[in-house]
Amino acid sequence: MNKEIKKILGQLDKGEISGKDAIKIVKELRTRNISYQKKASKIKIVIKDDGKKINIPAIPLSIAKLLVNIALKFSKIGIKHSKNVNEEWEKHIRNVLNEINLKELVDILRSCEPFDFVDISQNDGKTKVKITIL
């Protein structure tokens, strides 16, 4: 897009087009490019550890949201019945879990273009975790 805008500015500088025409062309160009930008719709997770690889195929964000909601509900039940968590920690963990707003997170992710959400590698290069929003 920058090359196209430079070309338009060059035409404007040479007097080949008017200022109004240049503005109109740039606006059309921006609108066309915005409409073609791919928005995020899936999440993909890859974990490599010491030669082993877990490759979770790309799944729609809505399904990922559903699965995480289920996991959160089960974790609340698990914490309640755990013998290793005292009351204070149980209360703290429940508060943290209740503050997670998956709808807001998914809405924000859907408004973005694809990107690497998490990309962690250990120094030895044997362990890697990558979460990509597609």
N, C-alpha and C. Protein backbone atom coordinates (compact mmCIF):
# COMPACT_ATOMS: atom_id res chain seq x y z
N MET A 1 0.83 -1.19 0.00
CA MET A 1 0.00 0.00 0.00
C MET A 1 0.87 1.25 0.00
N ASN A 2 1.99 1.24 0.71
CA ASN A 2 2.86 2.42 0.74
C ASN A 2 3.37 2.78 -0.64
N LYS A 3 3.69 1.77 -1.46
CA LYS A 3 4.16 2.03 -2.82
C LYS A 3 3.07 2.73 -3.63
N GLU A 4 1.84 2.27 -3.45
CA GLU A 4 0.72 2.87 -4.19
C GLU A 4 0.49 4.31 -3.75
N ILE A 5 0.62 4.58 -2.47
CA ILE A 5 0.43 5.95 -1.98
C ILE A 5 1.56 6.84 -2.49
N LYS A 6 2.81 6.33 -2.51
CA LYS A 6 3.93 7.11 -3.05
C LYS A 6 3.69 7.44 -4.52
N LYS A 7 3.15 6.47 -5.25
CA LYS A 7 2.85 6.70 -6.67
C LYS A 7 1.80 7.82 -6.83
N ILE A 8 0.77 7.75 -5.98
CA ILE A 8 -0.28 8.78 -6.01
C ILE A 8 0.30 10.15 -5.67
N LEU A 9 1.16 10.21 -4.67
CA LEU A 9 1.79 11.48 -4.29
C LEU A 9 2.69 11.99 -5.40
N GLY A 10 3.35 11.08 -6.09
CA GLY A 10 4.17 11.47 -7.25
C GLY A 10 3.32 12.08 -8.35
N GLN A 11 2.18 11.45 -8.61
CA GLN A 11 1.26 11.98 -9.63
C GLN A 11 0.74 13.35 -9.22
N LEU A 12 0.47 13.51 -7.95
CA LEU A 12 0.00 14.79 -7.43
C LEU A 12 1.10 15.84 -7.58
N ASP A 13 2.33 15.46 -7.26
CA ASP A 13 3.46 16.38 -7.35
C ASP A 13 3.71 16.83 -8.79
N LYS A 14 3.51 15.92 -9.74
CA LYS A 14 3.72 16.24 -11.16
C LYS A 14 2.53 16.98 -11.77
N GLY A 15 1.44 17.11 -11.01
CA GLY A 15 0.25 17.78 -11.52
C GLY A 15 -0.63 16.90 -12.38
N GLU A 16 -0.37 15.59 -12.35
CA GLU A 16 -1.16 14.66 -13.15
C GLU A 16 -2.57 14.46 -12.58
N ILE A 17 -2.71 14.62 -11.26
CA ILE A 17 -4.02 14.53 -10.61
C ILE A 17 -4.16 15.68 -9.63
N SER A 18 -5.41 16.00 -9.29
CA SER A 18 -5.67 17.09 -8.35
C SER A 18 -5.57 16.58 -6.91
N GLY A 19 -5.52 17.50 -5.96
CA GLY A 19 -5.49 17.14 -4.54
C GLY A 19 -6.73 16.36 -4.14
N LYS A 20 -7.88 16.80 -4.64
CA LYS A 20 -9.14 16.10 -4.32
C LYS A 20 -9.12 14.67 -4.86
N ASP A 21 -8.60 14.53 -6.08
CA ASP A 21 -8.53 13.18 -6.66
C ASP A 21 -7.57 12.29 -5.87
N ALA A 22 -6.44 12.86 -5.44
CA ALA A 22 -5.48 12.09 -4.65
C ALA A 22 -6.11 11.60 -3.35
N ILE A 23 -6.82 12.48 -2.67
CA ILE A 23 -7.49 12.11 -1.41
C ILE A 23 -8.52 11.01 -1.67
N LYS A 24 -9.28 11.17 -2.73
CA LYS A 24 -10.30 10.17 -3.07
C LYS A 24 -9.67 8.81 -3.35
N ILE A 25 -8.58 8.80 -4.12
CA ILE A 25 -7.91 7.54 -4.46
C ILE A 25 -7.33 6.88 -3.22
N VAL A 26 -6.69 7.66 -2.33
CA VAL A 26 -6.11 7.10 -1.11
C VAL A 26 -7.20 6.53 -0.22
N LYS A 27 -8.31 7.23 -0.09
CA LYS A 27 -9.42 6.71 0.73
C LYS A 27 -9.94 5.39 0.17
N GLU A 28 -10.11 5.33 -1.15
CA GLU A 28 -10.58 4.09 -1.77
C GLU A 28 -9.57 2.96 -1.55
N LEU A 29 -8.30 3.30 -1.66
CA LEU A 29 -7.24 2.32 -1.45
C LEU A 29 -7.26 1.78 -0.03
N ARG A 30 -7.40 2.68 0.94
CA ARG A 30 -7.44 2.26 2.34
C ARG A 30 -8.67 1.40 2.61
N THR A 31 -9.83 1.79 2.08
CA THR A 31 -11.06 1.02 2.27
C THR A 31 -10.92 -0.37 1.67
N ARG A 32 -10.35 -0.44 0.48
CA ARG A 32 -10.16 -1.73 -0.18
C ARG A 32 -9.22 -2.62 0.63
N ASN A 33 -8.13 -2.06 1.13
CA ASN A 33 -7.17 -2.85 1.91
C ASN A 33 -7.75 -3.28 3.25
N ILE A 34 -8.52 -2.44 3.91
CA ILE A 34 -9.13 -2.80 5.19
C ILE A 34 -10.11 -3.95 5.01
N SER A 35 -10.90 -3.91 3.94
CA SER A 35 -11.90 -4.95 3.74
C SER A 35 -11.27 -6.31 3.44
N TYR A 36 -10.03 -6.32 2.94
CA TYR A 36 -9.37 -7.58 2.62
C TYR A 36 -8.50 -8.11 3.76
N GLN A 37 -8.35 -7.36 4.83
CA GLN A 37 -7.54 -7.84 5.94
C GLN A 37 -8.24 -9.02 6.59
N LYS A 38 -7.50 -10.09 6.73
CA LYS A 38 -8.06 -11.28 7.36
C LYS A 38 -8.14 -11.06 8.86
N LYS A 39 -9.27 -11.40 9.43
CA LYS A 39 -9.45 -11.28 10.88
C LYS A 39 -9.26 -12.65 11.52
N ALA A 40 -8.81 -12.61 12.76
CA ALA A 40 -8.55 -13.86 13.48
C ALA A 40 -9.84 -14.63 13.71
N SER A 41 -9.76 -15.95 13.56
CA SER A 41 -10.95 -16.78 13.78
C SER A 41 -10.61 -18.12 14.44
N LYS A 42 -9.31 -18.45 14.50
CA LYS A 42 -8.92 -19.75 15.05
C LYS A 42 -7.70 -19.59 15.95
N ILE A 43 -7.47 -20.62 16.76
CA ILE A 43 -6.29 -20.68 17.61
C ILE A 43 -5.58 -22.00 17.36
N LYS A 44 -4.26 -21.94 17.27
CA LYS A 44 -3.45 -23.14 17.02
C LYS A 44 -2.36 -23.19 18.08
N ILE A 45 -2.15 -24.38 18.64
CA ILE A 45 -1.16 -24.56 19.70
C ILE A 45 -0.18 -25.65 19.29
N VAL A 46 1.13 -25.33 19.43
CA VAL A 46 2.19 -26.29 19.16
C VAL A 46 3.12 -26.30 20.37
N ILE A 47 3.38 -27.50 20.89
CA ILE A 47 4.30 -27.65 22.02
C ILE A 47 5.35 -28.69 21.63
N LYS A 48 6.62 -28.28 21.74
CA LYS A 48 7.72 -29.20 21.48
C LYS A 48 8.53 -29.31 22.75
N ASP A 49 8.86 -30.56 23.12
CA ASP A 49 9.66 -30.77 24.32
C ASP A 49 10.55 -31.98 24.14
N ASP A 50 11.84 -31.74 24.08
CA ASP A 50 12.83 -32.80 24.02
C ASP A 50 12.51 -33.84 22.94
N GLY A 51 12.23 -33.36 21.74
CA GLY A 51 11.96 -34.24 20.61
C GLY A 51 10.51 -34.67 20.46
N LYS A 52 9.71 -34.48 21.48
CA LYS A 52 8.28 -34.82 21.40
C LYS A 52 7.53 -33.57 20.95
N LYS A 53 6.47 -33.77 20.19
CA LYS A 53 5.71 -32.63 19.66
C LYS A 53 4.22 -32.87 19.84
N ILE A 54 3.56 -31.88 20.41
CA ILE A 54 2.09 -31.90 20.51
C ILE A 54 1.61 -30.79 19.58
N ASN A 55 0.87 -31.17 18.58
CA ASN A 55 0.39 -30.23 17.58
C ASN A 55 -1.14 -30.23 17.59
N ILE A 56 -1.72 -29.27 18.26
CA ILE A 56 -3.19 -29.18 18.31
C ILE A 56 -3.64 -28.42 17.07
N PRO A 57 -4.47 -29.04 16.24
CA PRO A 57 -4.89 -28.37 15.01
C PRO A 57 -5.64 -27.08 15.32
N ALA A 58 -5.65 -26.19 14.36
CA ALA A 58 -6.36 -24.92 14.52
C ALA A 58 -7.84 -25.19 14.79
N ILE A 59 -8.35 -24.58 15.84
CA ILE A 59 -9.78 -24.73 16.16
C ILE A 59 -10.40 -23.34 16.23
N PRO A 60 -11.67 -23.23 15.88
CA PRO A 60 -12.34 -21.93 15.94
C PRO A 60 -12.31 -21.35 17.35
N LEU A 61 -12.19 -20.04 17.43
CA LEU A 61 -12.15 -19.37 18.73
C LEU A 61 -13.39 -19.67 19.58
N SER A 62 -14.54 -19.82 18.93
CA SER A 62 -15.77 -20.09 19.69
C SER A 62 -15.69 -21.46 20.38
N ILE A 63 -15.12 -22.45 19.72
CA ILE A 63 -14.97 -23.78 20.34
C ILE A 63 -13.92 -23.73 21.44
N ALA A 64 -12.82 -22.99 21.21
CA ALA A 64 -11.80 -22.83 22.24
C ALA A 64 -12.40 -22.17 23.48
N LYS A 65 -13.24 -21.17 23.26
CA LYS A 65 -13.91 -20.48 24.38
C LYS A 65 -14.79 -21.45 25.15
N LEU A 66 -15.54 -22.27 24.46
CA LEU A 66 -16.40 -23.26 25.10
C LEU A 66 -15.58 -24.25 25.93
N LEU A 67 -14.49 -24.75 25.36
CA LEU A 67 -13.65 -25.71 26.08
C LEU A 67 -13.01 -25.10 27.32
N VAL A 68 -12.56 -23.85 27.22
CA VAL A 68 -11.95 -23.19 28.38
C VAL A 68 -13.01 -22.94 29.45
N ASN A 69 -14.23 -22.56 29.04
CA ASN A 69 -15.31 -22.38 30.01
C ASN A 69 -15.59 -23.67 30.78
N ILE A 70 -15.61 -24.79 30.06
CA ILE A 70 -15.83 -26.09 30.71
C ILE A 70 -14.69 -26.39 31.68
N ALA A 71 -13.45 -26.14 31.24
CA ALA A 71 -12.29 -26.38 32.10
C ALA A 71 -12.34 -25.52 33.36
N LEU A 72 -12.78 -24.27 33.22
CA LEU A 72 -12.88 -23.38 34.37
C LEU A 72 -13.92 -23.90 35.37
N LYS A 73 -15.05 -24.39 34.87
CA LYS A 73 -16.08 -24.92 35.76
C LYS A 73 -15.57 -26.15 36.51
N PHE A 74 -14.89 -27.06 35.79
CA PHE A 74 -14.33 -28.24 36.44
C PHE A 74 -13.23 -27.88 37.43
N SER A 75 -12.45 -26.86 37.12
CA SER A 75 -11.37 -26.48 38.05
C SER A 75 -11.96 -25.93 39.35
N LYS A 76 -13.07 -25.22 39.26
CA LYS A 76 -13.73 -24.72 40.48
C LYS A 76 -14.21 -25.89 41.35
N ILE A 77 -14.75 -26.92 40.71
CA ILE A 77 -15.22 -28.10 41.44
C ILE A 77 -14.02 -28.83 42.03
N GLY A 78 -12.95 -28.96 41.25
CA GLY A 78 -11.76 -29.65 41.72
C GLY A 78 -11.12 -28.96 42.91
N ILE A 79 -11.10 -27.64 42.88
CA ILE A 79 -10.52 -26.87 43.99
C ILE A 79 -11.35 -27.07 45.25
N LYS A 80 -12.66 -27.11 45.09
CA LYS A 80 -13.55 -27.26 46.24
C LYS A 80 -13.30 -28.59 46.95
N HIS A 81 -12.99 -29.63 46.21
CA HIS A 81 -12.82 -30.96 46.77
C HIS A 81 -11.36 -31.35 47.01
N SER A 82 -10.45 -30.43 46.74
CA SER A 82 -9.03 -30.72 46.93
C SER A 82 -8.66 -30.69 48.41
N LYS A 83 -7.85 -31.64 48.82
CA LYS A 83 -7.40 -31.69 50.21
C LYS A 83 -6.13 -30.86 50.40
N ASN A 84 -5.50 -30.46 49.29
CA ASN A 84 -4.23 -29.74 49.36
C ASN A 84 -4.39 -28.22 49.32
N VAL A 85 -5.61 -27.72 49.23
CA VAL A 85 -5.84 -26.28 49.13
C VAL A 85 -6.60 -25.83 50.37
N ASN A 86 -6.01 -24.87 51.12
CA ASN A 86 -6.71 -24.37 52.31
C ASN A 86 -7.80 -23.37 51.89
N GLU A 87 -8.63 -22.95 52.83
CA GLU A 87 -9.76 -22.06 52.53
C GLU A 87 -9.33 -20.74 51.90
N GLU A 88 -8.24 -20.19 52.42
CA GLU A 88 -7.77 -18.89 51.91
C GLU A 88 -7.37 -19.00 50.44
N TRP A 89 -6.61 -20.04 50.10
CA TRP A 89 -6.20 -20.25 48.72
C TRP A 89 -7.40 -20.57 47.83
N GLU A 90 -8.32 -21.35 48.35
CA GLU A 90 -9.53 -21.68 47.57
C GLU A 90 -10.27 -20.41 47.20
N LYS A 91 -10.44 -19.52 48.18
CA LYS A 91 -11.14 -18.25 47.93
C LYS A 91 -10.38 -17.41 46.90
N HIS A 92 -9.06 -17.35 47.05
CA HIS A 92 -8.24 -16.57 46.12
C HIS A 92 -8.35 -17.13 44.69
N ILE A 93 -8.23 -18.43 44.56
CA ILE A 93 -8.30 -19.07 43.24
C ILE A 93 -9.67 -18.85 42.61
N ARG A 94 -10.72 -19.00 43.40
CA ARG A 94 -12.08 -18.77 42.89
C ARG A 94 -12.24 -17.33 42.39
N ASN A 95 -11.70 -16.36 43.14
CA ASN A 95 -11.78 -14.96 42.72
C ASN A 95 -11.07 -14.74 41.38
N VAL A 96 -9.90 -15.33 41.25
CA VAL A 96 -9.15 -15.20 39.99
C VAL A 96 -9.93 -15.82 38.84
N LEU A 97 -10.46 -17.02 39.04
CA LEU A 97 -11.22 -17.70 37.99
C LEU A 97 -12.48 -16.93 37.63
N ASN A 98 -13.12 -16.30 38.60
CA ASN A 98 -14.33 -15.53 38.33
C ASN A 98 -14.05 -14.25 37.55
N GLU A 99 -12.82 -13.75 37.62
CA GLU A 99 -12.47 -12.52 36.92
C GLU A 99 -12.15 -12.73 35.45
N ILE A 100 -11.97 -13.97 35.05
CA ILE A 100 -11.64 -14.25 33.65
C ILE A 100 -12.86 -13.99 32.79
N ASN A 101 -12.70 -13.09 31.81
CA ASN A 101 -13.80 -12.74 30.91
C ASN A 101 -13.44 -13.24 29.51
N LEU A 102 -13.83 -14.47 29.21
CA LEU A 102 -13.46 -15.08 27.93
C LEU A 102 -14.15 -14.41 26.75
N LYS A 103 -15.38 -13.95 26.95
CA LYS A 103 -16.09 -13.29 25.86
C LYS A 103 -15.32 -12.06 25.39
N GLU A 104 -14.88 -11.26 26.35
CA GLU A 104 -14.13 -10.06 26.01
C GLU A 104 -12.82 -10.41 25.30
N LEU A 105 -12.13 -11.41 25.81
CA LEU A 105 -10.87 -11.83 25.20
C LEU A 105 -11.08 -12.32 23.77
N VAL A 106 -12.08 -13.15 23.54
CA VAL A 106 -12.35 -13.67 22.20
C VAL A 106 -12.77 -12.54 21.26
N ASP A 107 -13.57 -11.60 21.75
CA ASP A 107 -13.97 -10.47 20.92
C ASP A 107 -12.76 -9.64 20.49
N ILE A 108 -11.83 -9.44 21.41
CA ILE A 108 -10.62 -8.69 21.07
C ILE A 108 -9.78 -9.46 20.07
N LEU A 109 -9.62 -10.76 20.28
CA LEU A 109 -8.83 -11.57 19.35
C LEU A 109 -9.45 -11.58 17.96
N ARG A 110 -10.77 -11.63 17.88
CA ARG A 110 -11.45 -11.64 16.57
C ARG A 110 -11.27 -10.32 15.83
N SER A 111 -11.03 -9.24 16.53
CA SER A 111 -10.87 -7.94 15.87
C SER A 111 -9.46 -7.75 15.33
N CYS A 112 -8.55 -8.68 15.63
CA CYS A 112 -7.15 -8.55 15.22
C CYS A 112 -6.88 -9.36 13.96
N GLU A 113 -5.77 -8.99 13.31
CA GLU A 113 -5.26 -9.82 12.24
C GLU A 113 -4.52 -11.00 12.88
N PRO A 114 -4.25 -12.06 12.15
CA PRO A 114 -3.51 -13.19 12.71
C PRO A 114 -2.15 -12.75 13.28
N PHE A 115 -1.76 -13.36 14.40
CA PHE A 115 -0.50 -13.03 15.06
C PHE A 115 -0.10 -14.16 16.00
N ASP A 116 1.19 -14.14 16.41
CA ASP A 116 1.67 -15.09 17.41
C ASP A 116 1.32 -14.54 18.78
N PHE A 117 0.47 -15.26 19.50
CA PHE A 117 -0.01 -14.84 20.81
C PHE A 117 1.03 -15.16 21.88
N VAL A 118 1.61 -16.35 21.80
CA VAL A 118 2.66 -16.78 22.72
C VAL A 118 3.73 -17.48 21.89
N ASP A 119 4.99 -17.13 22.14
CA ASP A 119 6.10 -17.79 21.46
C ASP A 119 7.26 -17.86 22.45
N ILE A 120 7.37 -19.00 23.12
CA ILE A 120 8.36 -19.17 24.19
C ILE A 120 9.31 -20.30 23.81
N SER A 121 10.60 -20.03 23.91
CA SER A 121 11.63 -21.07 23.69
C SER A 121 12.61 -21.02 24.83
N GLN A 122 13.02 -22.20 25.28
CA GLN A 122 14.08 -22.26 26.29
C GLN A 122 15.42 -22.14 25.58
N ASN A 123 16.43 -21.76 26.35
CA ASN A 123 17.77 -21.56 25.79
C ASN A 123 18.31 -22.78 25.07
N ASP A 124 17.99 -23.96 25.56
CA ASP A 124 18.54 -25.17 24.94
C ASP A 124 17.86 -25.48 23.60
N GLY A 125 16.76 -24.81 23.30
CA GLY A 125 16.06 -25.01 22.03
C GLY A 125 15.26 -26.29 21.97
N LYS A 126 15.27 -27.06 23.04
CA LYS A 126 14.54 -28.33 23.04
C LYS A 126 13.07 -28.15 23.40
N THR A 127 12.76 -27.06 24.10
CA THR A 127 11.39 -26.84 24.54
C THR A 127 10.85 -25.57 23.91
N LYS A 128 9.66 -25.66 23.34
CA LYS A 128 9.05 -24.51 22.69
C LYS A 128 7.54 -24.60 22.83
N VAL A 129 6.92 -23.46 23.14
CA VAL A 129 5.47 -23.36 23.19
C VAL A 129 5.08 -22.21 22.28
N LYS A 130 4.19 -22.48 21.35
CA LYS A 130 3.74 -21.44 20.44
C LYS A 130 2.23 -21.51 20.30
N ILE A 131 1.58 -20.38 20.57
CA ILE A 131 0.14 -20.26 20.39
C ILE A 131 -0.09 -19.17 19.36
N THR A 132 -0.71 -19.54 18.27
CA THR A 132 -0.93 -18.61 17.16
C THR A 132 -2.42 -18.37 16.98
N ILE A 133 -2.75 -17.11 16.81
CA ILE A 133 -4.13 -16.73 16.49
C ILE A 133 -4.19 -16.59 14.98
N LEU A 134 -5.01 -17.41 14.35
CA LEU A 134 -5.12 -17.44 12.88
C LEU A 134 -6.37 -16.75 12.39
